[in-house]
Amino acid sequence: MTHLMSAREFNQELSRAKREALVSPVIVTDRGEPSHVLMSYGEYERLTRSPGSFVEKLLIDDPVDVDIDKSELGLRPVEF
């Protein structure tokens, strides 16, 4: 669950923001619009880490669900 916090709350309650960021990202708003995100360093490293090899890229924990329809090719008989 992401936490929302106004810039004013963030300035007044930095310790709380840091505690919440250990659990999930904290979105800091400025005049009601998201302006910054506070997250743990571990989460930052996970998001910015680049898999080194092709095998590591295949093992990424972020699965993508893709529905692929079997296409109809309309093959014709071949004359020999």
Protein backbone atom coordinates (compact mmCIF):
# COMPACT_ATOMS: atom_id res chain seq x y z
CA MET A 1 0.00 0.00 0.00
CA THR A 2 1.44 3.38 -1.00
CA HIS A 3 1.28 6.22 1.51
CA LEU A 4 0.37 9.80 0.54
CA MET A 5 1.78 12.72 2.47
CA SER A 6 1.63 16.45 1.81
CA ALA A 7 4.89 18.40 1.64
CA ARG A 8 3.91 20.11 4.88
CA GLU A 9 3.31 16.77 6.65
CA PHE A 10 6.59 15.47 5.23
CA ASN A 11 8.53 18.43 6.64
CA GLN A 12 6.85 18.11 10.04
CA GLU A 13 6.94 14.31 10.31
CA LEU A 14 10.11 13.15 8.59
CA SER A 15 10.63 10.25 11.02
CA ARG A 16 7.15 8.88 10.26
CA ALA A 17 7.76 9.23 6.52
CA LYS A 18 11.03 7.29 6.80
CA ARG A 19 9.33 4.49 8.79
CA GLU A 20 6.51 4.23 6.26
CA ALA A 21 9.00 4.21 3.36
CA LEU A 22 10.53 1.02 4.78
CA VAL A 23 7.16 -0.69 4.20
CA SER A 24 6.12 0.92 0.90
CA PRO A 25 6.87 4.07 -1.11
CA VAL A 26 5.65 7.40 0.28
CA ILE A 27 4.32 9.85 -2.32
CA VAL A 28 4.85 13.46 -1.29
CA THR A 29 2.36 15.89 -2.77
CA ASP A 30 2.76 19.60 -3.44
CA ARG A 31 -0.55 21.46 -3.76
CA GLY A 32 -2.31 18.13 -4.15
CA GLU A 33 -0.13 16.90 -7.03
CA PRO A 34 2.48 14.13 -6.61
CA SER A 35 5.95 15.67 -6.64
CA HIS A 36 8.38 13.23 -4.97
CA VAL A 37 8.63 9.62 -3.85
CA LEU A 38 10.45 8.42 -0.75
CA MET A 39 11.43 4.73 -0.69
CA SER A 40 13.92 2.49 1.05
CA TYR A 41 17.39 2.23 -0.44
CA GLY A 42 16.84 -1.50 -0.96
CA GLU A 43 13.76 -0.81 -3.08
CA TYR A 44 15.67 1.86 -5.03
CA GLU A 45 18.49 -0.62 -5.74
CA ARG A 46 15.99 -3.24 -6.87
CA LEU A 47 14.34 -0.80 -9.29
CA THR A 48 17.58 0.54 -10.76
CA ARG A 49 19.50 -2.73 -10.95
CA SER A 50 20.21 -3.83 -14.48
CA PRO A 51 20.31 -7.59 -15.04
CA GLY A 52 23.78 -8.50 -16.26
CA SER A 53 23.13 -11.44 -18.53
CA PHE A 54 20.46 -12.69 -20.87
CA VAL A 55 19.63 -15.49 -18.42
CA GLU A 56 19.12 -12.97 -15.59
CA LYS A 57 16.77 -10.97 -17.81
CA LEU A 58 14.72 -14.11 -18.39
CA LEU A 59 14.51 -14.69 -14.63
CA ILE A 60 13.10 -11.22 -13.78
CA ASP A 61 10.33 -11.53 -11.16
CA ASP A 62 7.99 -9.16 -13.01
CA PRO A 63 5.87 -11.47 -15.20
CA VAL A 64 4.08 -10.06 -18.20
CA ASP A 65 0.71 -11.54 -19.13
CA VAL A 66 0.28 -11.56 -22.89
CA ASP A 67 -2.55 -13.22 -24.78
CA ILE A 68 -1.44 -14.31 -28.22
CA ASP A 69 -4.12 -15.36 -30.67
CA LYS A 70 -3.35 -18.14 -33.10
CA SER A 71 -3.47 -16.54 -36.50
CA GLU A 72 -5.12 -18.19 -39.46
CA LEU A 73 -2.59 -18.38 -42.28
CA GLY A 74 -4.96 -19.60 -44.99
CA LEU A 75 -2.49 -22.09 -46.48
CA ARG A 76 -3.10 -23.40 -49.99
CA PRO A 77 -2.24 -26.87 -51.27
CA VAL A 78 1.12 -27.06 -53.02
CA GLU A 79 1.36 -28.38 -56.58
CA PHE A 80 4.38 -30.54 -57.39
